[in-house]
Amino acid sequence: MAQRYAIASLAEAQSHLEHSILGPRLTECTELVNKVEGRSTHQSLGSPDDLKSRSSMTLCALAQQHDPVFHRALQRYFDGALDPLTTEKLLLSWTIHTGSEEAVRSDTTDGTPL
């Protein structure tokens, strides 16, 4: 089911975040999760939602870099690390779309795809 409704690209994630209802709702929920003290995402959300949370925060942090709420979630719960499977899928999507992996890699200082 998650695959069926998955956001497939940064552009789709940006559109979701710019939506008048969905964007503010996701931001508000993320702010609330960021306020939880003494619990991991696994303890708060269970599995597999803890894994989906990291993927979602990675996607949103990359799609909306000017809003630190998603970066704070990654920092708080995942030591600031992006989800590697999500970044790999975004890179693959970008490569298929543009035919070039270099355009993505050159936009970061550490080689991590955007």
N, C-alpha and C. Protein backbone atom coordinates (compact mmCIF):
# COMPACT_ATOMS: atom_id res chain seq x y z
N MET A 1 0.81 -1.19 0.00
CA MET A 1 0.00 0.00 0.00
C MET A 1 0.87 1.27 0.00
N ALA A 2 1.96 1.23 0.79
CA ALA A 2 2.84 2.40 0.86
C ALA A 2 3.45 2.70 -0.51
N GLN A 3 3.79 1.66 -1.26
CA GLN A 3 4.36 1.86 -2.59
C GLN A 3 3.36 2.56 -3.52
N ARG A 4 2.11 2.22 -3.36
CA ARG A 4 1.06 2.77 -4.22
C ARG A 4 0.92 4.28 -4.05
N TYR A 5 1.07 4.76 -2.82
CA TYR A 5 0.87 6.17 -2.53
C TYR A 5 2.17 6.93 -2.34
N ALA A 6 3.29 6.31 -2.61
CA ALA A 6 4.59 6.93 -2.39
C ALA A 6 4.79 8.15 -3.29
N ILE A 7 5.45 9.15 -2.74
CA ILE A 7 5.86 10.31 -3.51
C ILE A 7 7.11 9.91 -4.28
N ALA A 8 7.11 10.14 -5.58
CA ALA A 8 8.13 9.58 -6.44
C ALA A 8 9.26 10.53 -6.82
N SER A 9 9.13 11.82 -6.49
CA SER A 9 10.16 12.77 -6.92
C SER A 9 10.19 13.98 -6.00
N LEU A 10 11.27 14.75 -6.12
CA LEU A 10 11.35 15.99 -5.35
C LEU A 10 10.26 16.97 -5.79
N ALA A 11 9.98 17.01 -7.07
CA ALA A 11 8.94 17.91 -7.57
C ALA A 11 7.57 17.56 -6.96
N GLU A 12 7.29 16.28 -6.88
CA GLU A 12 6.03 15.85 -6.27
C GLU A 12 6.00 16.18 -4.78
N ALA A 13 7.14 16.02 -4.11
CA ALA A 13 7.23 16.37 -2.69
C ALA A 13 7.04 17.87 -2.49
N GLN A 14 7.64 18.68 -3.36
CA GLN A 14 7.48 20.13 -3.27
C GLN A 14 6.03 20.52 -3.46
N SER A 15 5.37 19.89 -4.41
CA SER A 15 3.95 20.16 -4.65
C SER A 15 3.13 19.80 -3.42
N HIS A 16 3.42 18.68 -2.80
CA HIS A 16 2.73 18.24 -1.59
C HIS A 16 2.92 19.27 -0.47
N LEU A 17 4.16 19.73 -0.30
CA LEU A 17 4.47 20.68 0.76
C LEU A 17 3.87 22.07 0.49
N GLU A 18 3.65 22.41 -0.78
CA GLU A 18 3.05 23.70 -1.13
C GLU A 18 1.52 23.66 -1.10
N HIS A 19 0.94 22.49 -0.97
CA HIS A 19 -0.52 22.36 -0.91
C HIS A 19 -1.04 23.08 0.33
N SER A 20 -2.14 23.78 0.18
CA SER A 20 -2.66 24.63 1.26
C SER A 20 -3.08 23.86 2.52
N ILE A 21 -3.40 22.60 2.40
CA ILE A 21 -3.80 21.80 3.57
C ILE A 21 -2.70 20.81 3.93
N LEU A 22 -2.21 20.07 2.96
CA LEU A 22 -1.26 19.00 3.24
C LEU A 22 0.08 19.51 3.77
N GLY A 23 0.60 20.57 3.18
CA GLY A 23 1.90 21.11 3.60
C GLY A 23 1.89 21.57 5.05
N PRO A 24 0.97 22.46 5.43
CA PRO A 24 0.93 22.90 6.84
C PRO A 24 0.65 21.75 7.81
N ARG A 25 -0.14 20.80 7.40
CA ARG A 25 -0.46 19.66 8.28
C ARG A 25 0.80 18.81 8.53
N LEU A 26 1.56 18.55 7.49
CA LEU A 26 2.79 17.77 7.65
C LEU A 26 3.81 18.53 8.50
N THR A 27 3.91 19.83 8.27
CA THR A 27 4.83 20.65 9.06
C THR A 27 4.42 20.64 10.53
N GLU A 28 3.14 20.81 10.81
CA GLU A 28 2.65 20.81 12.19
C GLU A 28 2.89 19.46 12.86
N CYS A 29 2.61 18.37 12.16
CA CYS A 29 2.83 17.04 12.73
C CYS A 29 4.32 16.81 13.01
N THR A 30 5.17 17.27 12.12
CA THR A 30 6.61 17.12 12.32
C THR A 30 7.08 17.94 13.51
N GLU A 31 6.55 19.15 13.66
CA GLU A 31 6.90 19.97 14.82
C GLU A 31 6.48 19.28 16.12
N LEU A 32 5.32 18.64 16.13
CA LEU A 32 4.86 17.92 17.32
C LEU A 32 5.76 16.73 17.63
N VAL A 33 6.13 15.98 16.61
CA VAL A 33 7.02 14.83 16.80
C VAL A 33 8.38 15.32 17.32
N ASN A 34 8.84 16.46 16.82
CA ASN A 34 10.12 16.99 17.26
C ASN A 34 10.12 17.37 18.75
N LYS A 35 8.96 17.60 19.31
CA LYS A 35 8.84 17.98 20.72
C LYS A 35 8.81 16.79 21.67
N VAL A 36 8.65 15.59 21.14
CA VAL A 36 8.60 14.39 21.98
C VAL A 36 9.96 14.19 22.63
N GLU A 37 9.96 14.01 23.94
CA GLU A 37 11.19 13.83 24.70
C GLU A 37 11.36 12.36 25.12
N GLY A 38 12.59 11.88 25.04
CA GLY A 38 12.92 10.58 25.59
C GLY A 38 12.38 9.36 24.87
N ARG A 39 11.99 9.52 23.62
CA ARG A 39 11.46 8.38 22.85
C ARG A 39 12.05 8.42 21.44
N SER A 40 12.35 7.26 20.94
CA SER A 40 12.80 7.14 19.55
C SER A 40 11.57 7.13 18.65
N THR A 41 11.79 7.24 17.36
CA THR A 41 10.65 7.15 16.44
C THR A 41 10.05 5.75 16.49
N HIS A 42 10.88 4.75 16.72
CA HIS A 42 10.34 3.39 16.83
C HIS A 42 9.43 3.27 18.05
N GLN A 43 9.82 3.86 19.16
CA GLN A 43 8.98 3.83 20.36
C GLN A 43 7.70 4.62 20.16
N SER A 44 7.77 5.72 19.44
CA SER A 44 6.59 6.57 19.23
C SER A 44 5.67 6.06 18.12
N LEU A 45 6.26 5.60 17.02
CA LEU A 45 5.48 5.26 15.84
C LEU A 45 5.37 3.77 15.58
N GLY A 46 6.29 3.00 16.10
CA GLY A 46 6.32 1.57 15.80
C GLY A 46 6.91 1.31 14.42
N SER A 47 6.93 0.05 14.07
CA SER A 47 7.47 -0.35 12.78
C SER A 47 6.33 -0.75 11.85
N PRO A 48 6.35 -0.42 10.60
CA PRO A 48 7.42 0.18 9.83
C PRO A 48 7.34 1.71 9.74
N ASP A 49 6.44 2.33 10.52
CA ASP A 49 6.27 3.78 10.41
C ASP A 49 7.52 4.55 10.81
N ASP A 50 8.35 3.99 11.67
CA ASP A 50 9.61 4.65 12.01
C ASP A 50 10.51 4.75 10.79
N LEU A 51 10.53 3.71 9.97
CA LEU A 51 11.34 3.73 8.74
C LEU A 51 10.75 4.71 7.72
N LYS A 52 9.44 4.71 7.61
CA LYS A 52 8.78 5.63 6.68
C LYS A 52 9.00 7.08 7.11
N SER A 53 9.08 7.29 8.42
CA SER A 53 9.32 8.64 8.94
C SER A 53 10.67 9.17 8.47
N ARG A 54 11.70 8.36 8.56
CA ARG A 54 13.03 8.80 8.12
C ARG A 54 13.03 9.10 6.63
N SER A 55 12.39 8.25 5.86
CA SER A 55 12.30 8.46 4.42
C SER A 55 11.55 9.75 4.12
N SER A 56 10.43 9.97 4.78
CA SER A 56 9.63 11.17 4.56
C SER A 56 10.38 12.43 4.95
N MET A 57 11.07 12.39 6.09
CA MET A 57 11.82 13.56 6.54
C MET A 57 12.96 13.87 5.58
N THR A 58 13.58 12.83 5.05
CA THR A 58 14.64 13.02 4.05
C THR A 58 14.08 13.70 2.81
N LEU A 59 13.00 13.17 2.31
CA LEU A 59 12.37 13.73 1.11
C LEU A 59 11.94 15.17 1.33
N CYS A 60 11.30 15.44 2.45
CA CYS A 60 10.81 16.80 2.73
C CYS A 60 11.96 17.77 2.98
N ALA A 61 13.00 17.31 3.68
CA ALA A 61 14.15 18.18 3.93
C ALA A 61 14.82 18.59 2.62
N LEU A 62 14.90 17.67 1.68
CA LEU A 62 15.51 17.98 0.38
C LEU A 62 14.58 18.81 -0.50
N ALA A 63 13.30 18.58 -0.38
CA ALA A 63 12.33 19.28 -1.22
C ALA A 63 12.09 20.71 -0.75
N GLN A 64 12.22 20.95 0.54
CA GLN A 64 11.93 22.27 1.09
C GLN A 64 13.06 22.66 2.04
N GLN A 65 14.18 23.01 1.45
CA GLN A 65 15.39 23.25 2.23
C GLN A 65 15.31 24.50 3.09
N HIS A 66 14.42 25.42 2.79
CA HIS A 66 14.32 26.65 3.57
C HIS A 66 13.58 26.47 4.89
N ASP A 67 12.88 25.35 5.10
CA ASP A 67 12.14 25.10 6.33
C ASP A 67 12.92 24.08 7.16
N PRO A 68 13.48 24.50 8.30
CA PRO A 68 14.34 23.60 9.07
C PRO A 68 13.62 22.51 9.86
N VAL A 69 12.30 22.49 9.87
CA VAL A 69 11.58 21.52 10.70
C VAL A 69 11.92 20.08 10.34
N PHE A 70 12.08 19.80 9.06
CA PHE A 70 12.38 18.44 8.63
C PHE A 70 13.85 18.08 8.92
N HIS A 71 14.74 19.06 8.77
CA HIS A 71 16.15 18.86 9.12
C HIS A 71 16.28 18.60 10.63
N ARG A 72 15.49 19.32 11.44
CA ARG A 72 15.52 19.10 12.89
C ARG A 72 15.07 17.68 13.24
N ALA A 73 14.06 17.18 12.54
CA ALA A 73 13.61 15.80 12.79
C ALA A 73 14.71 14.80 12.45
N LEU A 74 15.37 15.01 11.33
CA LEU A 74 16.47 14.11 10.96
C LEU A 74 17.59 14.19 12.00
N GLN A 75 17.89 15.40 12.45
CA GLN A 75 18.95 15.57 13.45
C GLN A 75 18.57 14.92 14.77
N ARG A 76 17.36 15.16 15.20
CA ARG A 76 16.91 14.67 16.51
C ARG A 76 16.82 13.14 16.57
N TYR A 77 16.27 12.54 15.54
CA TYR A 77 15.99 11.10 15.59
C TYR A 77 16.96 10.23 14.82
N PHE A 78 17.69 10.82 13.86
CA PHE A 78 18.53 9.99 13.00
C PHE A 78 19.95 10.54 12.88
N ASP A 79 20.39 11.29 13.88
CA ASP A 79 21.73 11.87 13.90
C ASP A 79 22.02 12.69 12.66
N GLY A 80 20.99 13.28 12.07
CA GLY A 80 21.15 14.15 10.91
C GLY A 80 21.34 13.42 9.60
N ALA A 81 21.33 12.10 9.64
CA ALA A 81 21.60 11.31 8.43
C ALA A 81 20.36 11.17 7.55
N LEU A 82 20.53 11.46 6.28
CA LEU A 82 19.46 11.23 5.31
C LEU A 82 19.24 9.73 5.14
N ASP A 83 18.05 9.36 4.73
CA ASP A 83 17.75 7.96 4.47
C ASP A 83 18.43 7.55 3.17
N PRO A 84 19.35 6.57 3.22
CA PRO A 84 20.09 6.21 2.01
C PRO A 84 19.23 5.61 0.90
N LEU A 85 18.20 4.85 1.24
CA LEU A 85 17.35 4.28 0.19
C LEU A 85 16.55 5.37 -0.52
N THR A 86 16.11 6.37 0.23
CA THR A 86 15.36 7.46 -0.38
C THR A 86 16.26 8.28 -1.30
N THR A 87 17.46 8.61 -0.84
CA THR A 87 18.36 9.38 -1.69
C THR A 87 18.77 8.59 -2.93
N GLU A 88 18.93 7.26 -2.76
CA GLU A 88 19.26 6.42 -3.91
C GLU A 88 18.12 6.42 -4.94
N LYS A 89 16.88 6.32 -4.47
CA LYS A 89 15.73 6.33 -5.39
C LYS A 89 15.60 7.68 -6.08
N LEU A 90 15.86 8.77 -5.35
CA LEU A 90 15.80 10.09 -5.96
C LEU A 90 16.87 10.24 -7.02
N LEU A 91 18.06 9.74 -6.73
CA LEU A 91 19.14 9.80 -7.71
C LEU A 91 18.79 8.98 -8.95
N LEU A 92 18.25 7.80 -8.75
CA LEU A 92 17.84 6.96 -9.88
C LEU A 92 16.77 7.67 -10.70
N SER A 93 15.79 8.25 -10.04
CA SER A 93 14.73 8.99 -10.72
C SER A 93 15.31 10.15 -11.52
N TRP A 94 16.22 10.87 -10.91
CA TRP A 94 16.85 12.01 -11.59
C TRP A 94 17.66 11.54 -12.80
N THR A 95 18.41 10.45 -12.61
CA THR A 95 19.23 9.92 -13.69
C THR A 95 18.38 9.48 -14.87
N ILE A 96 17.28 8.81 -14.59
CA ILE A 96 16.37 8.37 -15.66
C ILE A 96 15.77 9.58 -16.36
N HIS A 97 15.38 10.58 -15.58
CA HIS A 97 14.74 11.78 -16.14
C HIS A 97 15.71 12.61 -16.98
N THR A 98 16.95 12.79 -16.49
CA THR A 98 17.89 13.68 -17.17
C THR A 98 18.96 12.96 -17.97
N GLY A 99 19.17 11.68 -17.63
CA GLY A 99 20.25 10.95 -18.28
C GLY A 99 21.60 11.25 -17.68
N SER A 100 21.63 11.99 -16.54
CA SER A 100 22.89 12.38 -15.95
C SER A 100 22.84 12.28 -14.43
N GLU A 101 23.81 11.58 -13.88
CA GLU A 101 23.95 11.51 -12.43
C GLU A 101 24.78 12.68 -11.93
N GLU A 102 25.65 13.22 -12.75
CA GLU A 102 26.56 14.29 -12.34
C GLU A 102 25.83 15.56 -11.91
N ALA A 103 24.71 15.89 -12.53
CA ALA A 103 23.98 17.10 -12.16
C ALA A 103 23.53 17.05 -10.72
N VAL A 104 23.15 15.90 -10.24
CA VAL A 104 22.72 15.77 -8.85
C VAL A 104 23.92 15.81 -7.93
N ARG A 105 24.95 15.06 -8.23
CA ARG A 105 26.11 14.97 -7.36
C ARG A 105 26.83 16.32 -7.24
N SER A 106 26.82 17.14 -8.27
CA SER A 106 27.54 18.40 -8.21
C SER A 106 26.83 19.45 -7.38
N ASP A 107 25.59 19.20 -6.97
CA ASP A 107 24.85 20.16 -6.16
C ASP A 107 25.12 20.02 -4.67
N THR A 108 25.98 19.11 -4.26
CA THR A 108 26.27 18.93 -2.85
C THR A 108 27.76 18.97 -2.62
N THR A 109 28.14 19.29 -1.41
CA THR A 109 29.57 19.36 -1.11
C THR A 109 30.17 18.02 -0.75
N ASP A 110 29.35 17.09 -0.24
CA ASP A 110 29.88 15.81 0.20
C ASP A 110 29.57 14.66 -0.74
N GLY A 111 28.96 14.95 -1.90
CA GLY A 111 28.63 13.91 -2.85
C GLY A 111 27.32 13.22 -2.59
N THR A 112 26.64 13.58 -1.50
CA THR A 112 25.33 12.99 -1.22
C THR A 112 24.32 13.58 -2.18
N PRO A 113 23.54 12.76 -2.87
CA PRO A 113 22.57 13.30 -3.82
C PRO A 113 21.52 14.14 -3.11
N LEU A 114 21.05 15.15 -3.80
CA LEU A 114 19.98 15.98 -3.25
C LEU A 114 18.68 15.28 -3.30
